[in-house]
């Protein structure tokens, strides 16, 4: 829902697969079905855990 802005998966599916990009800030583009995650810092010991937490908490990307 946070990725597409849709409350359910459309019967014919989405127009494309979800893109994951890396950049300077974390954000979600619902029209383009794209999530942008921050680049890893050297202090990150477990990249899988780091990105899993980011995706789980991504519904709050736009919250200030």
N, C-alpha and C. Protein backbone atom coordinates (compact mmCIF):
# COMPACT_ATOMS: atom_id res chain seq x y z
N UNK A 1 0.82 -1.19 0.00
CA UNK A 1 0.00 0.00 0.00
C UNK A 1 0.87 1.26 0.00
N UNK A 2 1.93 1.29 0.83
CA UNK A 2 2.78 2.48 0.88
C UNK A 2 3.55 2.67 -0.40
N UNK A 3 3.83 1.59 -1.12
CA UNK A 3 4.62 1.66 -2.35
C UNK A 3 3.79 2.13 -3.53
N UNK A 4 2.53 1.72 -3.59
CA UNK A 4 1.72 1.99 -4.77
C UNK A 4 0.62 3.02 -4.54
N UNK A 5 0.26 3.26 -3.31
CA UNK A 5 -0.87 4.14 -3.02
C UNK A 5 -2.20 3.42 -3.19
N UNK A 6 -2.17 2.14 -3.56
CA UNK A 6 -3.36 1.34 -3.77
C UNK A 6 -3.68 0.55 -2.51
N UNK A 7 -4.96 0.33 -2.25
CA UNK A 7 -5.35 -0.44 -1.07
C UNK A 7 -5.31 -1.94 -1.32
N UNK A 8 -5.18 -2.35 -2.59
CA UNK A 8 -5.10 -3.77 -2.92
C UNK A 8 -4.36 -3.95 -4.24
N UNK A 9 -3.90 -5.16 -4.49
CA UNK A 9 -3.22 -5.44 -5.75
C UNK A 9 -4.27 -5.48 -6.86
N UNK A 10 -4.08 -4.72 -7.94
CA UNK A 10 -5.06 -4.74 -9.04
C UNK A 10 -5.20 -6.14 -9.64
N UNK A 11 -6.39 -6.45 -10.15
CA UNK A 11 -6.65 -7.78 -10.72
C UNK A 11 -5.66 -8.13 -11.83
N UNK A 12 -5.22 -7.15 -12.60
CA UNK A 12 -4.27 -7.40 -13.69
C UNK A 12 -2.83 -7.14 -13.26
N UNK A 13 -2.63 -6.84 -11.98
CA UNK A 13 -1.30 -6.56 -11.47
C UNK A 13 -0.92 -5.10 -11.70
N UNK A 14 0.25 -4.73 -11.22
CA UNK A 14 0.75 -3.38 -11.42
C UNK A 14 1.39 -3.26 -12.79
N UNK A 15 1.62 -2.03 -13.23
CA UNK A 15 2.12 -1.80 -14.58
C UNK A 15 3.59 -2.18 -14.75
N UNK A 16 4.29 -2.44 -13.65
CA UNK A 16 5.70 -2.82 -13.71
C UNK A 16 6.14 -3.38 -12.36
N UNK A 17 7.33 -3.95 -12.32
CA UNK A 17 7.88 -4.42 -11.06
C UNK A 17 8.40 -3.24 -10.25
N UNK A 18 8.52 -3.42 -8.96
CA UNK A 18 9.03 -2.39 -8.06
C UNK A 18 10.53 -2.21 -8.30
N UNK A 19 10.95 -0.96 -8.45
CA UNK A 19 12.38 -0.63 -8.59
C UNK A 19 12.93 -0.24 -7.22
N UNK A 20 14.15 -0.68 -6.95
CA UNK A 20 14.86 -0.26 -5.74
C UNK A 20 16.12 0.46 -6.19
N UNK A 21 16.27 1.71 -5.74
CA UNK A 21 17.42 2.52 -6.10
C UNK A 21 18.15 2.94 -4.83
N UNK A 22 19.36 3.40 -4.99
CA UNK A 22 20.15 3.89 -3.86
C UNK A 22 20.53 5.34 -4.12
N UNK A 23 20.38 6.19 -3.09
CA UNK A 23 20.67 7.61 -3.25
C UNK A 23 20.99 8.25 -1.92
N UNK A 24 20.87 9.56 -1.87
CA UNK A 24 21.23 10.31 -0.68
C UNK A 24 20.18 10.34 0.40
N UNK A 25 18.92 10.02 0.06
CA UNK A 25 17.85 10.04 1.05
C UNK A 25 16.87 8.92 0.76
N UNK A 26 16.13 8.51 1.79
CA UNK A 26 15.13 7.45 1.63
C UNK A 26 13.81 8.08 1.21
N UNK A 27 13.20 7.52 0.17
CA UNK A 27 11.90 8.03 -0.29
C UNK A 27 11.20 6.97 -1.12
N UNK A 28 9.91 7.18 -1.33
CA UNK A 28 9.08 6.28 -2.13
C UNK A 28 8.36 7.11 -3.17
N UNK A 29 8.37 6.65 -4.43
CA UNK A 29 7.61 7.28 -5.50
C UNK A 29 6.49 6.32 -5.88
N UNK A 30 5.25 6.63 -5.46
CA UNK A 30 4.14 5.71 -5.68
C UNK A 30 3.75 5.60 -7.15
N UNK A 31 3.89 6.65 -7.92
CA UNK A 31 3.54 6.59 -9.34
C UNK A 31 4.52 5.72 -10.13
N UNK A 32 5.79 5.80 -9.79
CA UNK A 32 6.82 5.06 -10.52
C UNK A 32 7.11 3.69 -9.90
N UNK A 33 6.43 3.36 -8.78
CA UNK A 33 6.71 2.13 -8.04
C UNK A 33 8.20 1.97 -7.78
N UNK A 34 8.77 2.98 -7.14
CA UNK A 34 10.21 3.01 -6.89
C UNK A 34 10.49 3.41 -5.45
N UNK A 35 11.37 2.69 -4.80
CA UNK A 35 11.82 3.04 -3.45
C UNK A 35 13.30 3.37 -3.54
N UNK A 36 13.69 4.47 -2.91
CA UNK A 36 15.09 4.87 -2.88
C UNK A 36 15.59 4.73 -1.46
N UNK A 37 16.69 4.01 -1.29
CA UNK A 37 17.30 3.80 0.02
C UNK A 37 18.65 4.51 0.07
N UNK A 38 19.04 4.93 1.27
CA UNK A 38 20.34 5.57 1.45
C UNK A 38 21.46 4.57 1.20
N UNK A 39 22.57 5.09 0.74
CA UNK A 39 23.77 4.26 0.60
C UNK A 39 24.22 3.80 1.98
N UNK A 40 24.82 2.63 2.05
CA UNK A 40 25.32 2.12 3.33
C UNK A 40 26.51 2.93 3.81
N UNK A 41 26.61 3.06 5.11
CA UNK A 41 27.78 3.68 5.72
C UNK A 41 28.72 2.56 6.16
N UNK A 42 29.99 2.85 6.34
CA UNK A 42 30.93 1.81 6.78
C UNK A 42 30.57 1.20 8.13
N UNK A 43 29.77 1.90 8.94
CA UNK A 43 29.42 1.41 10.27
C UNK A 43 28.37 0.30 10.24
N UNK A 44 27.73 0.07 9.09
CA UNK A 44 26.69 -0.96 9.00
C UNK A 44 27.35 -2.33 8.92
N UNK A 45 27.07 -3.16 9.94
CA UNK A 45 27.68 -4.48 10.00
C UNK A 45 26.86 -5.54 9.28
N UNK A 46 25.53 -5.40 9.28
CA UNK A 46 24.65 -6.39 8.67
C UNK A 46 23.75 -5.71 7.64
N UNK A 47 24.16 -5.67 6.37
CA UNK A 47 23.37 -4.98 5.34
C UNK A 47 21.96 -5.54 5.18
N UNK A 48 21.78 -6.84 5.31
CA UNK A 48 20.45 -7.43 5.16
C UNK A 48 19.52 -6.90 6.25
N UNK A 49 19.97 -6.90 7.49
CA UNK A 49 19.18 -6.37 8.59
C UNK A 49 18.90 -4.88 8.40
N UNK A 50 19.91 -4.14 7.98
CA UNK A 50 19.76 -2.70 7.75
C UNK A 50 18.65 -2.41 6.75
N UNK A 51 18.69 -3.06 5.58
CA UNK A 51 17.70 -2.79 4.55
C UNK A 51 16.33 -3.38 4.89
N UNK A 52 16.31 -4.50 5.61
CA UNK A 52 15.03 -5.07 6.04
C UNK A 52 14.32 -4.10 6.98
N UNK A 53 15.05 -3.53 7.91
CA UNK A 53 14.45 -2.55 8.82
C UNK A 53 13.96 -1.33 8.06
N UNK A 54 14.72 -0.88 7.06
CA UNK A 54 14.31 0.29 6.28
C UNK A 54 13.01 0.00 5.52
N UNK A 55 12.90 -1.17 4.93
CA UNK A 55 11.69 -1.50 4.19
C UNK A 55 10.49 -1.66 5.11
N UNK A 56 10.69 -2.28 6.27
CA UNK A 56 9.60 -2.44 7.23
C UNK A 56 9.11 -1.08 7.71
N UNK A 57 10.03 -0.16 7.94
CA UNK A 57 9.67 1.17 8.46
C UNK A 57 9.44 2.20 7.36
N UNK A 58 9.44 1.78 6.12
CA UNK A 58 9.37 2.73 5.01
C UNK A 58 8.05 3.48 4.91
N UNK A 59 7.01 2.99 5.56
CA UNK A 59 5.75 3.73 5.51
C UNK A 59 5.87 5.08 6.20
N UNK A 60 6.95 5.29 6.95
CA UNK A 60 7.16 6.57 7.64
C UNK A 60 8.18 7.45 6.93
N UNK A 61 8.61 7.09 5.70
CA UNK A 61 9.62 7.87 4.98
C UNK A 61 9.24 9.34 4.89
N UNK A 62 7.98 9.64 4.60
CA UNK A 62 7.57 11.01 4.40
C UNK A 62 7.22 11.77 5.66
N UNK A 63 7.16 11.08 6.80
CA UNK A 63 6.78 11.72 8.07
C UNK A 63 7.90 12.63 8.55
N UNK A 64 7.54 13.77 9.04
CA UNK A 64 8.50 14.71 9.60
C UNK A 64 8.23 14.91 11.06
